mmCIF file of all heavy atoms, coordinates in Angstrom:
data_MODEL
# 
_entry.id   MODEL 
# 
loop_
_atom_site.group_PDB 
_atom_site.id 
_atom_site.type_symbol 
_atom_site.label_atom_id 
_atom_site.label_alt_id 
_atom_site.label_comp_id 
_atom_site.label_asym_id 
_atom_site.label_entity_id 
_atom_site.label_seq_id 
_atom_site.pdbx_PDB_ins_code 
_atom_site.Cartn_x 
_atom_site.Cartn_y 
_atom_site.Cartn_z 
_atom_site.occupancy 
_atom_site.B_iso_or_equiv 
_atom_site.pdbx_formal_charge 
_atom_site.auth_seq_id 
_atom_site.auth_comp_id 
_atom_site.auth_asym_id 
_atom_site.auth_atom_id 
_atom_site.pdbx_PDB_model_num 
ATOM 1   N N   . SER A 1 1  ? -115.463 27.545 7.601  1.00 0.00 ? 1  SER A N   1 
ATOM 2   C CA  . SER A 1 1  ? -115.799 27.825 8.985  1.00 0.00 ? 1  SER A CA  1 
ATOM 3   C C   . SER A 1 1  ? -116.580 29.136 9.019  1.00 0.00 ? 1  SER A C   1 
ATOM 4   O O   . SER A 1 1  ? -116.213 30.078 8.279  1.00 0.00 ? 1  SER A O   1 
ATOM 5   C CB  . SER A 1 1  ? -114.534 28.016 9.809  1.00 0.00 ? 1  SER A CB  1 
ATOM 6   O OG  . SER A 1 1  ? -113.775 26.766 9.773  1.00 0.00 ? 1  SER A OG  1 
ATOM 7   N N   . LEU A 1 2  ? -117.644 29.201 9.755  1.00 0.00 ? 2  LEU A N   1 
ATOM 8   C CA  . LEU A 1 2  ? -118.597 30.365 9.627  1.00 0.00 ? 2  LEU A CA  1 
ATOM 9   C C   . LEU A 1 2  ? -118.777 30.967 11.031 1.00 0.00 ? 2  LEU A C   1 
ATOM 10  O O   . LEU A 1 2  ? -118.649 30.329 12.093 1.00 0.00 ? 2  LEU A O   1 
ATOM 11  C CB  . LEU A 1 2  ? -119.902 29.828 9.137  1.00 0.00 ? 2  LEU A CB  1 
ATOM 12  C CG  . LEU A 1 2  ? -119.877 29.104 7.799  1.00 0.00 ? 2  LEU A CG  1 
ATOM 13  C CD1 . LEU A 1 2  ? -121.206 28.410 7.550  1.00 0.00 ? 2  LEU A CD1 1 
ATOM 14  C CD2 . LEU A 1 2  ? -119.556 30.095 6.703  1.00 0.00 ? 2  LEU A CD2 1 
ATOM 15  N N   . GLY A 1 3  ? -119.185 32.250 11.010 1.00 0.00 ? 3  GLY A N   1 
ATOM 16  C CA  . GLY A 1 3  ? -119.461 32.922 12.268 1.00 0.00 ? 3  GLY A CA  1 
ATOM 17  C C   . GLY A 1 3  ? -120.516 33.982 12.073 1.00 0.00 ? 3  GLY A C   1 
ATOM 18  O O   . GLY A 1 3  ? -120.876 34.381 10.989 1.00 0.00 ? 3  GLY A O   1 
ATOM 19  N N   . TRP A 1 4  ? -121.026 34.411 13.274 1.00 0.00 ? 4  TRP A N   1 
ATOM 20  C CA  . TRP A 1 4  ? -121.906 35.572 13.349 1.00 0.00 ? 4  TRP A CA  1 
ATOM 21  C C   . TRP A 1 4  ? -121.292 36.619 14.226 1.00 0.00 ? 4  TRP A C   1 
ATOM 22  O O   . TRP A 1 4  ? -120.717 36.315 15.295 1.00 0.00 ? 4  TRP A O   1 
ATOM 23  C CB  . TRP A 1 4  ? -123.253 35.144 14.007 1.00 0.00 ? 4  TRP A CB  1 
ATOM 24  C CG  . TRP A 1 4  ? -124.161 34.363 13.133 1.00 0.00 ? 4  TRP A CG  1 
ATOM 25  C CD1 . TRP A 1 4  ? -124.349 32.961 13.119 1.00 0.00 ? 4  TRP A CD1 1 
ATOM 26  C CD2 . TRP A 1 4  ? -125.044 34.834 12.069 1.00 0.00 ? 4  TRP A CD2 1 
ATOM 27  N NE1 . TRP A 1 4  ? -125.289 32.589 12.170 1.00 0.00 ? 4  TRP A NE1 1 
ATOM 28  C CE2 . TRP A 1 4  ? -125.727 33.748 11.508 1.00 0.00 ? 4  TRP A CE2 1 
ATOM 29  C CE3 . TRP A 1 4  ? -125.402 36.128 11.571 1.00 0.00 ? 4  TRP A CE3 1 
ATOM 30  C CZ2 . TRP A 1 4  ? -126.705 33.849 10.556 1.00 0.00 ? 4  TRP A CZ2 1 
ATOM 31  C CZ3 . TRP A 1 4  ? -126.291 36.244 10.575 1.00 0.00 ? 4  TRP A CZ3 1 
ATOM 32  C CH2 . TRP A 1 4  ? -126.916 35.111 10.081 1.00 0.00 ? 4  TRP A CH2 1 
ATOM 33  N N   . PHE A 1 5  ? -121.326 37.825 13.728 1.00 0.00 ? 5  PHE A N   1 
ATOM 34  C CA  . PHE A 1 5  ? -120.833 39.002 14.494 1.00 0.00 ? 5  PHE A CA  1 
ATOM 35  C C   . PHE A 1 5  ? -121.972 40.038 14.563 1.00 0.00 ? 5  PHE A C   1 
ATOM 36  O O   . PHE A 1 5  ? -122.910 39.941 13.798 1.00 0.00 ? 5  PHE A O   1 
ATOM 37  C CB  . PHE A 1 5  ? -119.619 39.600 13.785 1.00 0.00 ? 5  PHE A CB  1 
ATOM 38  C CG  . PHE A 1 5  ? -118.397 38.746 13.964 1.00 0.00 ? 5  PHE A CG  1 
ATOM 39  C CD1 . PHE A 1 5  ? -118.212 37.587 13.168 1.00 0.00 ? 5  PHE A CD1 1 
ATOM 40  C CD2 . PHE A 1 5  ? -117.373 39.079 14.776 1.00 0.00 ? 5  PHE A CD2 1 
ATOM 41  C CE1 . PHE A 1 5  ? -117.103 36.790 13.235 1.00 0.00 ? 5  PHE A CE1 1 
ATOM 42  C CE2 . PHE A 1 5  ? -116.223 38.287 14.933 1.00 0.00 ? 5  PHE A CE2 1 
ATOM 43  C CZ  . PHE A 1 5  ? -116.090 37.146 14.176 1.00 0.00 ? 5  PHE A CZ  1 
ATOM 44  N N   . ARG A 1 6  ? -121.825 40.982 15.469 1.00 0.00 ? 6  ARG A N   1 
ATOM 45  C CA  . ARG A 1 6  ? -122.809 42.035 15.494 1.00 0.00 ? 6  ARG A CA  1 
ATOM 46  C C   . ARG A 1 6  ? -122.121 43.364 15.852 1.00 0.00 ? 6  ARG A C   1 
ATOM 47  O O   . ARG A 1 6  ? -121.030 43.347 16.374 1.00 0.00 ? 6  ARG A O   1 
ATOM 48  C CB  . ARG A 1 6  ? -123.880 41.703 16.564 1.00 0.00 ? 6  ARG A CB  1 
ATOM 49  C CG  . ARG A 1 6  ? -123.406 41.658 18.035 1.00 0.00 ? 6  ARG A CG  1 
ATOM 50  C CD  . ARG A 1 6  ? -124.514 41.188 18.919 1.00 0.00 ? 6  ARG A CD  1 
ATOM 51  N NE  . ARG A 1 6  ? -124.089 41.077 20.311 1.00 0.00 ? 6  ARG A NE  1 
ATOM 52  C CZ  . ARG A 1 6  ? -124.831 40.532 21.291 1.00 0.00 ? 6  ARG A CZ  1 
ATOM 53  N NH1 . ARG A 1 6  ? -126.067 40.053 20.984 1.00 0.00 ? 6  ARG A NH1 1 
ATOM 54  N NH2 . ARG A 1 6  ? -124.340 40.473 22.483 1.00 0.00 ? 6  ARG A NH2 1 
ATOM 55  N N   . GLN A 1 7  ? -122.776 44.410 15.443 1.00 0.00 ? 7  GLN A N   1 
ATOM 56  C CA  . GLN A 1 7  ? -122.208 45.761 15.608 1.00 0.00 ? 7  GLN A CA  1 
ATOM 57  C C   . GLN A 1 7  ? -123.273 46.780 15.812 1.00 0.00 ? 7  GLN A C   1 
ATOM 58  O O   . GLN A 1 7  ? -124.318 46.761 15.206 1.00 0.00 ? 7  GLN A O   1 
ATOM 59  C CB  . GLN A 1 7  ? -121.426 46.077 14.325 1.00 0.00 ? 7  GLN A CB  1 
ATOM 60  C CG  . GLN A 1 7  ? -120.574 47.345 14.451 1.00 0.00 ? 7  GLN A CG  1 
ATOM 61  C CD  . GLN A 1 7  ? -119.623 47.505 13.289 1.00 0.00 ? 7  GLN A CD  1 
ATOM 62  O OE1 . GLN A 1 7  ? -119.837 47.010 12.212 1.00 0.00 ? 7  GLN A OE1 1 
ATOM 63  N NE2 . GLN A 1 7  ? -118.491 48.207 13.505 1.00 0.00 ? 7  GLN A NE2 1 
ATOM 64  N N   . THR A 1 8  ? -122.999 47.660 16.756 1.00 0.00 ? 8  THR A N   1 
ATOM 65  C CA  . THR A 1 8  ? -123.801 48.850 17.002 1.00 0.00 ? 8  THR A CA  1 
ATOM 66  C C   . THR A 1 8  ? -123.035 50.096 16.634 1.00 0.00 ? 8  THR A C   1 
ATOM 67  O O   . THR A 1 8  ? -121.802 50.050 16.651 1.00 0.00 ? 8  THR A O   1 
ATOM 68  C CB  . THR A 1 8  ? -124.254 48.860 18.512 1.00 0.00 ? 8  THR A CB  1 
ATOM 69  O OG1 . THR A 1 8  ? -123.058 48.824 19.359 1.00 0.00 ? 8  THR A OG1 1 
ATOM 70  C CG2 . THR A 1 8  ? -125.132 47.700 18.809 1.00 0.00 ? 8  THR A CG2 1 
ATOM 71  N N   . PRO A 1 9  ? -123.746 51.198 16.379 1.00 0.00 ? 9  PRO A N   1 
ATOM 72  C CA  . PRO A 1 9  ? -123.045 52.350 15.962 1.00 0.00 ? 9  PRO A CA  1 
ATOM 73  C C   . PRO A 1 9  ? -122.018 52.828 16.951 1.00 0.00 ? 9  PRO A C   1 
ATOM 74  O O   . PRO A 1 9  ? -122.227 52.871 18.126 1.00 0.00 ? 9  PRO A O   1 
ATOM 75  C CB  . PRO A 1 9  ? -124.154 53.394 15.851 1.00 0.00 ? 9  PRO A CB  1 
ATOM 76  C CG  . PRO A 1 9  ? -125.363 52.559 15.553 1.00 0.00 ? 9  PRO A CG  1 
ATOM 77  C CD  . PRO A 1 9  ? -125.211 51.352 16.322 1.00 0.00 ? 9  PRO A CD  1 
ATOM 78  N N   . GLY A 1 10 ? -120.806 53.168 16.399 1.00 0.00 ? 10 GLY A N   1 
ATOM 79  C CA  . GLY A 1 10 ? -119.737 53.685 17.220 1.00 0.00 ? 10 GLY A CA  1 
ATOM 80  C C   . GLY A 1 10 ? -118.937 52.559 17.926 1.00 0.00 ? 10 GLY A C   1 
ATOM 81  O O   . GLY A 1 10 ? -117.969 52.871 18.654 1.00 0.00 ? 10 GLY A O   1 
ATOM 82  N N   . LYS A 1 11 ? -119.308 51.299 17.783 1.00 0.00 ? 11 LYS A N   1 
ATOM 83  C CA  . LYS A 1 11 ? -118.531 50.243 18.475 1.00 0.00 ? 11 LYS A CA  1 
ATOM 84  C C   . LYS A 1 11 ? -117.966 49.283 17.437 1.00 0.00 ? 11 LYS A C   1 
ATOM 85  O O   . LYS A 1 11 ? -118.368 49.198 16.261 1.00 0.00 ? 11 LYS A O   1 
ATOM 86  C CB  . LYS A 1 11 ? -119.534 49.454 19.359 1.00 0.00 ? 11 LYS A CB  1 
ATOM 87  C CG  . LYS A 1 11 ? -119.987 50.254 20.537 1.00 0.00 ? 11 LYS A CG  1 
ATOM 88  C CD  . LYS A 1 11 ? -120.713 49.430 21.550 1.00 0.00 ? 11 LYS A CD  1 
ATOM 89  C CE  . LYS A 1 11 ? -121.126 50.243 22.778 1.00 0.00 ? 11 LYS A CE  1 
ATOM 90  N NZ  . LYS A 1 11 ? -121.820 49.323 23.792 1.00 0.00 ? 11 LYS A NZ  1 
ATOM 91  N N   . GLU A 1 12 ? -116.976 48.553 17.845 1.00 0.00 ? 12 GLU A N   1 
ATOM 92  C CA  . GLU A 1 12 ? -116.354 47.518 17.029 1.00 0.00 ? 12 GLU A CA  1 
ATOM 93  C C   . GLU A 1 12 ? -117.232 46.356 16.789 1.00 0.00 ? 12 GLU A C   1 
ATOM 94  O O   . GLU A 1 12 ? -118.134 46.063 17.650 1.00 0.00 ? 12 GLU A O   1 
ATOM 95  C CB  . GLU A 1 12 ? -115.008 47.116 17.635 1.00 0.00 ? 12 GLU A CB  1 
ATOM 96  C CG  . GLU A 1 12 ? -113.909 48.159 17.614 1.00 0.00 ? 12 GLU A CG  1 
ATOM 97  C CD  . GLU A 1 12 ? -112.613 47.614 18.070 1.00 0.00 ? 12 GLU A CD  1 
ATOM 98  O OE1 . GLU A 1 12 ? -112.494 46.424 18.412 1.00 0.00 ? 12 GLU A OE1 1 
ATOM 99  O OE2 . GLU A 1 12 ? -111.622 48.335 18.058 1.00 0.00 ? 12 GLU A OE2 1 
ATOM 100 N N   . ARG A 1 13 ? -117.082 45.661 15.672 1.00 0.00 ? 13 ARG A N   1 
ATOM 101 C CA  . ARG A 1 13 ? -117.775 44.475 15.406 1.00 0.00 ? 13 ARG A CA  1 
ATOM 102 C C   . ARG A 1 13 ? -117.457 43.439 16.438 1.00 0.00 ? 13 ARG A C   1 
ATOM 103 O O   . ARG A 1 13 ? -116.280 43.147 16.788 1.00 0.00 ? 13 ARG A O   1 
ATOM 104 C CB  . ARG A 1 13 ? -117.461 44.014 14.020 1.00 0.00 ? 13 ARG A CB  1 
ATOM 105 C CG  . ARG A 1 13 ? -118.441 43.017 13.510 1.00 0.00 ? 13 ARG A CG  1 
ATOM 106 C CD  . ARG A 1 13 ? -118.346 42.950 11.960 1.00 0.00 ? 13 ARG A CD  1 
ATOM 107 N NE  . ARG A 1 13 ? -118.785 44.136 11.313 1.00 0.00 ? 13 ARG A NE  1 
ATOM 108 C CZ  . ARG A 1 13 ? -118.936 44.298 9.997  1.00 0.00 ? 13 ARG A CZ  1 
ATOM 109 N NH1 . ARG A 1 13 ? -118.668 43.233 9.144  1.00 0.00 ? 13 ARG A NH1 1 
ATOM 110 N NH2 . ARG A 1 13 ? -119.330 45.412 9.466  1.00 0.00 ? 13 ARG A NH2 1 
ATOM 111 N N   . GLU A 1 14 ? -118.528 42.779 17.042 1.00 0.00 ? 14 GLU A N   1 
ATOM 112 C CA  . GLU A 1 14 ? -118.369 41.882 18.163 1.00 0.00 ? 14 GLU A CA  1 
ATOM 113 C C   . GLU A 1 14 ? -118.708 40.449 17.805 1.00 0.00 ? 14 GLU A C   1 
ATOM 114 O O   . GLU A 1 14 ? -119.720 40.228 17.132 1.00 0.00 ? 14 GLU A O   1 
ATOM 115 C CB  . GLU A 1 14 ? -119.299 42.319 19.276 1.00 0.00 ? 14 GLU A CB  1 
ATOM 116 C CG  . GLU A 1 14 ? -119.458 41.443 20.500 1.00 0.00 ? 14 GLU A CG  1 
ATOM 117 C CD  . GLU A 1 14 ? -120.654 41.828 21.379 1.00 0.00 ? 14 GLU A CD  1 
ATOM 118 O OE1 . GLU A 1 14 ? -121.641 42.295 20.883 1.00 0.00 ? 14 GLU A OE1 1 
ATOM 119 O OE2 . GLU A 1 14 ? -120.565 41.529 22.587 1.00 0.00 ? 14 GLU A OE2 1 
ATOM 120 N N   . PHE A 1 15 ? -117.892 39.530 18.244 1.00 0.00 ? 15 PHE A N   1 
ATOM 121 C CA  . PHE A 1 15 ? -118.152 38.070 17.994 1.00 0.00 ? 15 PHE A CA  1 
ATOM 122 C C   . PHE A 1 15 ? -119.437 37.640 18.725 1.00 0.00 ? 15 PHE A C   1 
ATOM 123 O O   . PHE A 1 15 ? -119.630 38.073 19.894 1.00 0.00 ? 15 PHE A O   1 
ATOM 124 C CB  . PHE A 1 15 ? -116.973 37.290 18.477 1.00 0.00 ? 15 PHE A CB  1 
ATOM 125 C CG  . PHE A 1 15 ? -117.159 35.812 18.438 1.00 0.00 ? 15 PHE A CG  1 
ATOM 126 C CD1 . PHE A 1 15 ? -117.092 35.067 17.275 1.00 0.00 ? 15 PHE A CD1 1 
ATOM 127 C CD2 . PHE A 1 15 ? -117.551 35.141 19.584 1.00 0.00 ? 15 PHE A CD2 1 
ATOM 128 C CE1 . PHE A 1 15 ? -117.330 33.687 17.227 1.00 0.00 ? 15 PHE A CE1 1 
ATOM 129 C CE2 . PHE A 1 15 ? -117.786 33.793 19.566 1.00 0.00 ? 15 PHE A CE2 1 
ATOM 130 C CZ  . PHE A 1 15 ? -117.668 33.066 18.442 1.00 0.00 ? 15 PHE A CZ  1 
ATOM 131 N N   . VAL A 1 16 ? -120.210 36.856 18.032 1.00 0.00 ? 16 VAL A N   1 
ATOM 132 C CA  . VAL A 1 16 ? -121.456 36.307 18.655 1.00 0.00 ? 16 VAL A CA  1 
ATOM 133 C C   . VAL A 1 16 ? -121.281 34.811 18.706 1.00 0.00 ? 16 VAL A C   1 
ATOM 134 O O   . VAL A 1 16 ? -121.473 34.164 19.828 1.00 0.00 ? 16 VAL A O   1 
ATOM 135 C CB  . VAL A 1 16 ? -122.654 36.747 17.934 1.00 0.00 ? 16 VAL A CB  1 
ATOM 136 C CG1 . VAL A 1 16 ? -123.936 36.035 18.489 1.00 0.00 ? 16 VAL A CG1 1 
ATOM 137 C CG2 . VAL A 1 16 ? -122.870 38.165 17.817 1.00 0.00 ? 16 VAL A CG2 1 
ATOM 138 N N   . ALA A 1 17 ? -121.093 34.142 17.617 1.00 0.00 ? 17 ALA A N   1 
ATOM 139 C CA  . ALA A 1 17 ? -121.084 32.648 17.586 1.00 0.00 ? 17 ALA A CA  1 
ATOM 140 C C   . ALA A 1 17 ? -120.326 32.209 16.310 1.00 0.00 ? 17 ALA A C   1 
ATOM 141 O O   . ALA A 1 17 ? -120.194 32.972 15.358 1.00 0.00 ? 17 ALA A O   1 
ATOM 142 C CB  . ALA A 1 17 ? -122.402 32.116 17.594 1.00 0.00 ? 17 ALA A CB  1 
ATOM 143 N N   . ALA A 1 18 ? -119.780 30.971 16.366 1.00 0.00 ? 18 ALA A N   1 
ATOM 144 C CA  . ALA A 1 18 ? -119.042 30.433 15.206 1.00 0.00 ? 18 ALA A CA  1 
ATOM 145 C C   . ALA A 1 18 ? -119.315 28.903 15.213 1.00 0.00 ? 18 ALA A C   1 
ATOM 146 O O   . ALA A 1 18 ? -119.647 28.303 16.201 1.00 0.00 ? 18 ALA A O   1 
ATOM 147 C CB  . ALA A 1 18 ? -117.572 30.777 15.244 1.00 0.00 ? 18 ALA A CB  1 
ATOM 148 N N   . ILE A 1 19 ? -119.159 28.366 14.014 1.00 0.00 ? 19 ILE A N   1 
ATOM 149 C CA  . ILE A 1 19 ? -119.378 26.915 13.841 1.00 0.00 ? 19 ILE A CA  1 
ATOM 150 C C   . ILE A 1 19 ? -118.358 26.351 12.856 1.00 0.00 ? 19 ILE A C   1 
ATOM 151 O O   . ILE A 1 19 ? -117.954 26.990 11.909 1.00 0.00 ? 19 ILE A O   1 
ATOM 152 C CB  . ILE A 1 19 ? -120.811 26.676 13.396 1.00 0.00 ? 19 ILE A CB  1 
ATOM 153 C CG1 . ILE A 1 19 ? -121.185 25.185 13.429 1.00 0.00 ? 19 ILE A CG1 1 
ATOM 154 C CG2 . ILE A 1 19 ? -121.064 27.213 11.965 1.00 0.00 ? 19 ILE A CG2 1 
ATOM 155 C CD1 . ILE A 1 19 ? -122.683 24.977 13.300 1.00 0.00 ? 19 ILE A CD1 1 
ATOM 156 N N   . ASN A 1 20 ? -117.926 25.139 13.144 1.00 0.00 ? 20 ASN A N   1 
ATOM 157 C CA  . ASN A 1 20 ? -116.866 24.558 12.260 1.00 0.00 ? 20 ASN A CA  1 
ATOM 158 C C   . ASN A 1 20 ? -117.602 23.920 11.028 1.00 0.00 ? 20 ASN A C   1 
ATOM 159 O O   . ASN A 1 20 ? -118.755 23.938 10.880 1.00 0.00 ? 20 ASN A O   1 
ATOM 160 C CB  . ASN A 1 20 ? -116.016 23.591 12.998 1.00 0.00 ? 20 ASN A CB  1 
ATOM 161 C CG  . ASN A 1 20 ? -116.744 22.245 13.257 1.00 0.00 ? 20 ASN A CG  1 
ATOM 162 O OD1 . ASN A 1 20 ? -117.984 22.251 13.504 1.00 0.00 ? 20 ASN A OD1 1 
ATOM 163 N ND2 . ASN A 1 20 ? -116.027 21.177 13.334 1.00 0.00 ? 20 ASN A ND2 1 
ATOM 164 N N   . TRP A 1 21 ? -116.734 23.313 10.141 1.00 0.00 ? 21 TRP A N   1 
ATOM 165 C CA  . TRP A 1 21 ? -117.250 22.920 8.852  1.00 0.00 ? 21 TRP A CA  1 
ATOM 166 C C   . TRP A 1 21 ? -118.354 21.890 8.880  1.00 0.00 ? 21 TRP A C   1 
ATOM 167 O O   . TRP A 1 21 ? -119.254 21.974 8.012  1.00 0.00 ? 21 TRP A O   1 
ATOM 168 C CB  . TRP A 1 21 ? -116.043 22.368 8.004  1.00 0.00 ? 21 TRP A CB  1 
ATOM 169 C CG  . TRP A 1 21 ? -115.545 21.049 8.524  1.00 0.00 ? 21 TRP A CG  1 
ATOM 170 C CD1 . TRP A 1 21 ? -114.667 20.857 9.520  1.00 0.00 ? 21 TRP A CD1 1 
ATOM 171 C CD2 . TRP A 1 21 ? -115.925 19.752 8.066  1.00 0.00 ? 21 TRP A CD2 1 
ATOM 172 N NE1 . TRP A 1 21 ? -114.418 19.473 9.696  1.00 0.00 ? 21 TRP A NE1 1 
ATOM 173 C CE2 . TRP A 1 21 ? -115.226 18.818 8.768  1.00 0.00 ? 21 TRP A CE2 1 
ATOM 174 C CE3 . TRP A 1 21 ? -116.817 19.314 7.042  1.00 0.00 ? 21 TRP A CE3 1 
ATOM 175 C CZ2 . TRP A 1 21 ? -115.311 17.441 8.580  1.00 0.00 ? 21 TRP A CZ2 1 
ATOM 176 C CZ3 . TRP A 1 21 ? -116.933 17.915 6.818  1.00 0.00 ? 21 TRP A CZ3 1 
ATOM 177 C CH2 . TRP A 1 21 ? -116.232 17.012 7.616  1.00 0.00 ? 21 TRP A CH2 1 
ATOM 178 N N   . ASN A 1 22 ? -118.367 20.966 9.828  1.00 0.00 ? 22 ASN A N   1 
ATOM 179 C CA  . ASN A 1 22 ? -119.401 20.029 9.859  1.00 0.00 ? 22 ASN A CA  1 
ATOM 180 C C   . ASN A 1 22 ? -120.477 20.215 10.921 1.00 0.00 ? 22 ASN A C   1 
ATOM 181 O O   . ASN A 1 22 ? -121.327 19.383 11.127 1.00 0.00 ? 22 ASN A O   1 
ATOM 182 C CB  . ASN A 1 22 ? -118.831 18.622 9.869  1.00 0.00 ? 22 ASN A CB  1 
ATOM 183 C CG  . ASN A 1 22 ? -118.104 18.332 11.192 1.00 0.00 ? 22 ASN A CG  1 
ATOM 184 O OD1 . ASN A 1 22 ? -117.978 19.198 12.065 1.00 0.00 ? 22 ASN A OD1 1 
ATOM 185 N ND2 . ASN A 1 22 ? -117.680 17.072 11.340 1.00 0.00 ? 22 ASN A ND2 1 
ATOM 186 N N   . GLY A 1 23 ? -120.264 21.329 11.676 1.00 0.00 ? 23 GLY A N   1 
ATOM 187 C CA  . GLY A 1 23 ? -121.307 21.625 12.691 1.00 0.00 ? 23 GLY A CA  1 
ATOM 188 C C   . GLY A 1 23 ? -121.102 20.935 14.023 1.00 0.00 ? 23 GLY A C   1 
ATOM 189 O O   . GLY A 1 23 ? -121.985 21.082 14.911 1.00 0.00 ? 23 GLY A O   1 
ATOM 190 N N   . ASN A 1 24 ? -120.103 20.189 14.168 1.00 0.00 ? 24 ASN A N   1 
ATOM 191 C CA  . ASN A 1 24 ? -119.956 19.494 15.475 1.00 0.00 ? 24 ASN A CA  1 
ATOM 192 C C   . ASN A 1 24 ? -119.153 20.298 16.553 1.00 0.00 ? 24 ASN A C   1 
ATOM 193 O O   . ASN A 1 24 ? -118.938 19.796 17.657 1.00 0.00 ? 24 ASN A O   1 
ATOM 194 C CB  . ASN A 1 24 ? -119.315 18.111 15.299 1.00 0.00 ? 24 ASN A CB  1 
ATOM 195 C CG  . ASN A 1 24 ? -117.848 18.126 14.963 1.00 0.00 ? 24 ASN A CG  1 
ATOM 196 O OD1 . ASN A 1 24 ? -117.317 19.196 14.686 1.00 0.00 ? 24 ASN A OD1 1 
ATOM 197 N ND2 . ASN A 1 24 ? -117.300 16.965 14.846 1.00 0.00 ? 24 ASN A ND2 1 
# 
């Protein structure tokens, strides 16, 4: 299972998107 997170200086890492094993 995979995800994208993002982070700016001084802030916590933020969830952006995620996808399960087969993409559905």
